[in-house]
Amino acid sequence: MPGWVIEKYPAQIDLLARHGHEIGLHGYLHERSNEIRDELYWLGRGLDSYKAHLGKGPRGWRAPSFAFSKHSLRALLDAGVEYDSSLMGDDIPYALRDADSNRSLLELPIDWTLHDFPHYAHNRDLGYRMPISAPQRAMEVFRSEFDGAWEFGASWISVWHPALSGRLARFKAVLELVDYMRDKGGVWFARLDQICDHVQRLIADGRWTPRVETLLRSAESR
């Protein structure tokens, strides 16, 4: 959730939290971190809004537009964030390690194939014009990705926006997809913070070691 949204719609945030949903942080004004010079300022604004309303910092972060910058990992580690879900480097969780400090956080990877924008977004003001898919076409893509994840034991993390996937016909298709997943069996429906907890327990118990991706910052950015 962007920090500005938390400030503007506190009752809706409370409703989400009351019904058991995790509230992650998603920038302040949905700014693209890799295109701005004052990334730390806007991250700070988002963190302040989050803490002011929810009483503590977020465990998870997703960069607006997936725009993870060369400074983002260090900033998130300094803020105490435990996981990111902006990158697309694997089909299962992995670790992002900062080369300078040797600290790391978990990456819960996503992919454009599980995002609703390519199917439904069409907005002149945003400069984003795409052919609009029927819900059945979008679900065909989502279902095929799920079947692959189910067969090989991978994670499946969708990115669906209320303004897009919340349309009646589209959300009806979402519910039908969820029924399909339940009927298939052997599926854990979990919040990202629950996945983070699970992976951290596996690591602590020595039962699993994630792949580590080390991020280097260029010399001129230090």
Protein backbone atom coordinates (compact mmCIF):
# COMPACT_ATOMS: atom_id res chain seq x y z
CA MET A 1 0.00 0.00 0.00
CA PRO A 2 1.49 3.42 -0.89
CA GLY A 3 2.03 5.68 2.10
CA TRP A 4 -0.21 8.41 0.67
CA VAL A 5 -3.07 5.91 0.44
CA ILE A 6 -2.58 4.98 4.10
CA GLU A 7 -2.87 8.66 5.02
CA LYS A 8 -5.86 9.30 2.76
CA TYR A 9 -7.90 6.17 3.47
CA PRO A 10 -7.15 5.04 7.04
CA ALA A 11 -10.55 3.39 7.52
CA GLN A 12 -9.97 1.13 4.53
CA ILE A 13 -6.52 0.19 5.85
CA ASP A 14 -8.08 -0.73 9.20
CA LEU A 15 -10.71 -2.83 7.40
CA LEU A 16 -8.04 -4.77 5.54
CA ALA A 17 -6.03 -5.38 8.70
CA ARG A 18 -9.13 -6.38 10.67
CA HIS A 19 -9.93 -9.07 8.10
CA GLY A 20 -6.50 -10.66 8.33
CA HIS A 21 -4.73 -9.12 5.36
CA GLU A 22 -1.09 -8.16 5.48
CA ILE A 23 -0.31 -4.50 4.77
CA GLY A 24 2.97 -4.16 2.88
CA LEU A 25 4.56 -0.90 1.77
CA HIS A 26 4.50 0.17 -1.87
CA GLY A 27 6.24 3.54 -1.99
CA TYR A 28 4.63 6.83 -1.03
CA LEU A 29 3.19 8.26 -4.27
CA HIS A 30 3.94 5.17 -6.38
CA GLU A 31 7.23 6.79 -7.39
CA ARG A 32 9.67 4.78 -9.50
CA SER A 33 12.73 4.33 -7.31
CA ASN A 34 15.16 3.78 -10.16
CA GLU A 35 14.21 7.05 -11.88
CA ILE A 36 14.47 9.52 -8.99
CA ARG A 37 17.41 11.01 -7.11
CA ASP A 38 15.65 11.31 -3.75
CA GLU A 39 14.68 7.65 -3.29
CA LEU A 40 15.55 7.68 0.43
CA TYR A 41 13.31 10.70 1.04
CA TRP A 42 10.27 9.06 -0.51
CA LEU A 43 10.96 5.75 1.20
CA GLY A 44 11.13 7.68 4.47
CA ARG A 45 7.80 9.36 3.74
CA GLY A 46 6.21 5.98 3.10
CA LEU A 47 7.70 4.47 6.25
CA ASP A 48 6.54 7.41 8.36
CA SER A 49 2.97 7.08 7.06
CA TYR A 50 2.98 3.35 7.66
CA LYS A 51 4.35 3.58 11.20
CA ALA A 52 2.07 6.47 12.15
CA HIS A 53 -1.04 4.47 11.34
CA LEU A 54 -0.03 0.86 11.96
CA GLY A 55 2.30 1.36 14.89
CA LYS A 56 5.36 -0.39 13.48
CA GLY A 57 7.29 -0.70 10.25
CA PRO A 58 6.38 -2.98 7.35
CA ARG A 59 7.86 -6.44 7.04
CA GLY A 60 7.53 -6.43 3.28
CA TRP A 61 8.02 -4.07 0.34
CA ARG A 62 7.16 -4.05 -3.33
CA ALA A 63 8.75 -1.33 -5.43
CA PRO A 64 6.20 0.68 -7.43
CA SER A 65 6.26 -0.58 -11.03
CA PHE A 66 8.88 -3.12 -9.83
CA ALA A 67 11.42 -0.28 -10.18
CA PHE A 68 14.03 -1.64 -7.75
CA SER A 69 17.11 0.61 -7.87
CA LYS A 70 20.78 -0.03 -7.13
CA HIS A 71 20.21 1.71 -3.78
CA SER A 72 16.97 -0.05 -2.81
CA LEU A 73 18.43 -3.12 -1.10
CA ARG A 74 20.62 -1.11 1.28
CA ALA A 75 17.74 1.27 2.06
CA LEU A 76 15.34 -1.57 2.80
CA LEU A 77 17.86 -3.34 5.02
CA ASP A 78 18.48 -0.14 6.96
CA ALA A 79 14.70 0.24 7.42
CA GLY A 80 14.40 -3.27 8.88
CA VAL A 81 12.36 -4.67 5.99
CA GLU A 82 12.53 -8.48 5.94
CA TYR A 83 11.48 -9.27 2.38
CA ASP A 84 11.06 -7.69 -1.03
CA SER A 85 8.66 -8.80 -3.76
CA SER A 86 9.72 -6.71 -6.77
CA LEU A 87 12.13 -8.89 -8.73
CA MET A 88 11.74 -11.80 -11.12
CA GLY A 89 14.89 -13.85 -10.64
CA ASP A 90 13.44 -17.25 -9.76
CA ASP A 91 10.31 -19.33 -9.25
CA ILE A 92 10.91 -19.82 -5.52
CA PRO A 93 12.14 -17.51 -2.75
CA TYR A 94 15.79 -16.55 -2.77
CA ALA A 95 18.07 -14.19 -0.85
CA LEU A 96 19.31 -10.75 -1.88
CA ARG A 97 22.68 -9.99 -0.30
CA ASP A 98 24.26 -6.57 -0.09
CA ALA A 99 27.91 -6.99 -1.03
CA ASP A 100 29.12 -4.06 1.07
CA SER A 101 27.48 -4.99 4.38
CA ASN A 102 26.97 -8.75 3.87
CA ARG A 103 23.36 -8.36 5.05
CA SER A 104 20.49 -9.94 3.19
CA LEU A 105 16.73 -10.09 2.93
CA LEU A 106 14.38 -12.53 1.27
CA GLU A 107 13.11 -12.03 -2.26
CA LEU A 108 9.63 -13.41 -2.94
CA PRO A 109 9.68 -13.22 -6.75
CA ILE A 110 6.85 -12.17 -9.00
CA ASP A 111 6.46 -12.12 -12.79
CA TRP A 112 4.61 -10.09 -15.42
CA THR A 113 2.70 -13.24 -16.40
CA LEU A 114 0.85 -13.00 -13.06
CA HIS A 115 0.17 -9.27 -13.33
CA ASP A 116 -3.21 -7.89 -14.41
CA PHE A 117 -1.90 -4.75 -16.18
CA PRO A 118 -0.90 -6.49 -19.44
CA HIS A 119 -4.43 -7.87 -19.72
CA TYR A 120 -6.67 -5.06 -18.53
CA ALA A 121 -4.88 -1.70 -18.32
CA HIS A 122 -5.85 0.93 -20.89
CA ASN A 123 -5.44 4.53 -19.78
CA ARG A 124 -4.51 7.51 -21.94
CA ASP A 125 -3.56 9.66 -18.95
CA LEU A 126 -0.98 7.08 -17.86
CA GLY A 127 0.25 6.62 -21.40
CA TYR A 128 -0.59 2.94 -21.14
CA ARG A 129 -2.73 1.55 -23.95
CA MET A 130 -3.10 -2.17 -24.37
CA PRO A 131 -5.70 -4.37 -26.03
CA ILE A 132 -8.13 -5.34 -23.28
CA SER A 133 -8.38 -9.09 -22.72
CA ALA A 134 -11.50 -10.97 -21.81
CA PRO A 135 -11.29 -12.37 -18.26
CA GLN A 136 -11.15 -15.89 -19.70
CA ARG A 137 -8.00 -15.01 -21.64
CA ALA A 138 -6.32 -13.52 -18.57
CA MET A 139 -7.27 -16.56 -16.48
CA GLU A 140 -5.86 -18.85 -19.16
CA VAL A 141 -2.45 -17.25 -18.58
CA PHE A 142 -2.78 -17.24 -14.78
CA ARG A 143 -4.02 -20.85 -14.73
CA SER A 144 -1.20 -22.14 -16.93
CA GLU A 145 1.35 -20.44 -14.66
CA PHE A 146 -0.34 -21.99 -11.64
CA ASP A 147 -0.30 -25.46 -13.22
CA GLY A 148 3.43 -25.14 -13.81
CA ALA A 149 4.05 -23.95 -10.25
CA TRP A 150 1.90 -26.79 -8.88
CA GLU A 151 3.71 -29.45 -10.89
CA PHE A 152 7.21 -28.34 -9.97
CA GLY A 153 6.59 -27.05 -6.44
CA ALA A 154 7.09 -23.35 -7.08
CA SER A 155 5.53 -20.20 -5.66
CA TRP A 156 2.75 -18.36 -7.47
CA ILE A 157 2.33 -14.69 -6.52
CA SER A 158 -0.23 -12.64 -8.38
CA VAL A 159 -0.34 -8.85 -8.70
CA TRP A 160 -3.95 -7.79 -9.11
CA HIS A 161 -5.30 -4.26 -8.69
CA PRO A 162 -8.83 -3.47 -7.45
CA ALA A 163 -9.37 -0.93 -10.23
CA LEU A 164 -8.58 -3.61 -12.84
CA SER A 165 -9.28 -7.08 -11.50
CA GLY A 166 -12.02 -5.74 -9.24
CA ARG A 167 -14.43 -5.31 -12.16
CA LEU A 168 -17.39 -7.68 -11.81
CA ALA A 169 -16.68 -10.07 -14.67
CA ARG A 170 -12.97 -10.14 -13.88
CA PHE A 171 -13.39 -10.81 -10.19
CA LYS A 172 -15.92 -13.52 -10.92
CA ALA A 173 -13.19 -15.17 -13.00
CA VAL A 174 -10.74 -14.75 -10.10
CA LEU A 175 -13.10 -16.62 -7.77
CA GLU A 176 -13.45 -19.40 -10.32
CA LEU A 177 -9.66 -19.62 -10.55
CA VAL A 178 -9.39 -19.91 -6.78
CA ASP A 179 -11.94 -22.74 -6.85
CA TYR A 180 -9.82 -24.47 -9.49
CA MET A 181 -6.75 -24.17 -7.26
CA ARG A 182 -8.59 -25.53 -4.23
CA ASP A 183 -9.96 -28.47 -6.20
CA LYS A 184 -6.48 -29.35 -7.41
CA GLY A 185 -5.28 -29.75 -3.79
CA GLY A 186 -1.83 -29.55 -2.28
CA VAL A 187 -1.86 -25.75 -2.34
CA TRP A 188 -0.93 -23.40 0.50
CA PHE A 189 -2.78 -20.09 0.27
CA ALA A 190 -0.58 -17.73 2.28
CA ARG A 191 0.20 -14.08 2.84
CA LEU A 192 3.71 -13.02 1.93
CA ASP A 193 4.65 -12.45 5.57
CA GLN A 194 3.62 -16.06 6.29
CA ILE A 195 5.84 -17.27 3.45
CA CYS A 196 8.65 -15.16 4.88
CA ASP A 197 8.16 -16.75 8.32
CA HIS A 198 8.16 -20.24 6.79
CA VAL A 199 11.35 -19.68 4.83
CA GLN A 200 13.09 -18.10 7.82
CA ARG A 201 12.20 -21.15 9.95
CA LEU A 202 13.57 -23.53 7.31
CA ILE A 203 16.82 -21.57 7.20
CA ALA A 204 17.12 -21.37 11.00
CA ASP A 205 16.50 -25.12 11.35
CA GLY A 206 19.05 -25.94 8.67
CA ARG A 207 16.44 -27.65 6.50
CA TRP A 208 16.86 -25.41 3.47
CA THR A 209 19.33 -22.88 2.12
CA PRO A 210 18.12 -20.32 -0.41
CA ARG A 211 20.02 -19.35 -3.48
CA VAL A 212 21.86 -16.08 -2.82
CA GLU A 213 22.04 -13.26 -5.33
CA THR A 214 24.62 -10.64 -4.44
CA LEU A 215 23.89 -7.08 -5.51
CA LEU A 216 26.77 -4.72 -6.20
CA ARG A 217 26.51 -0.96 -6.28
CA SER A 218 28.58 0.80 -8.90
CA ALA A 219 31.62 2.69 -7.62
CA GLU A 220 30.27 6.08 -8.63
CA SER A 221 27.08 5.53 -6.59
CA ARG A 222 28.88 4.95 -3.29
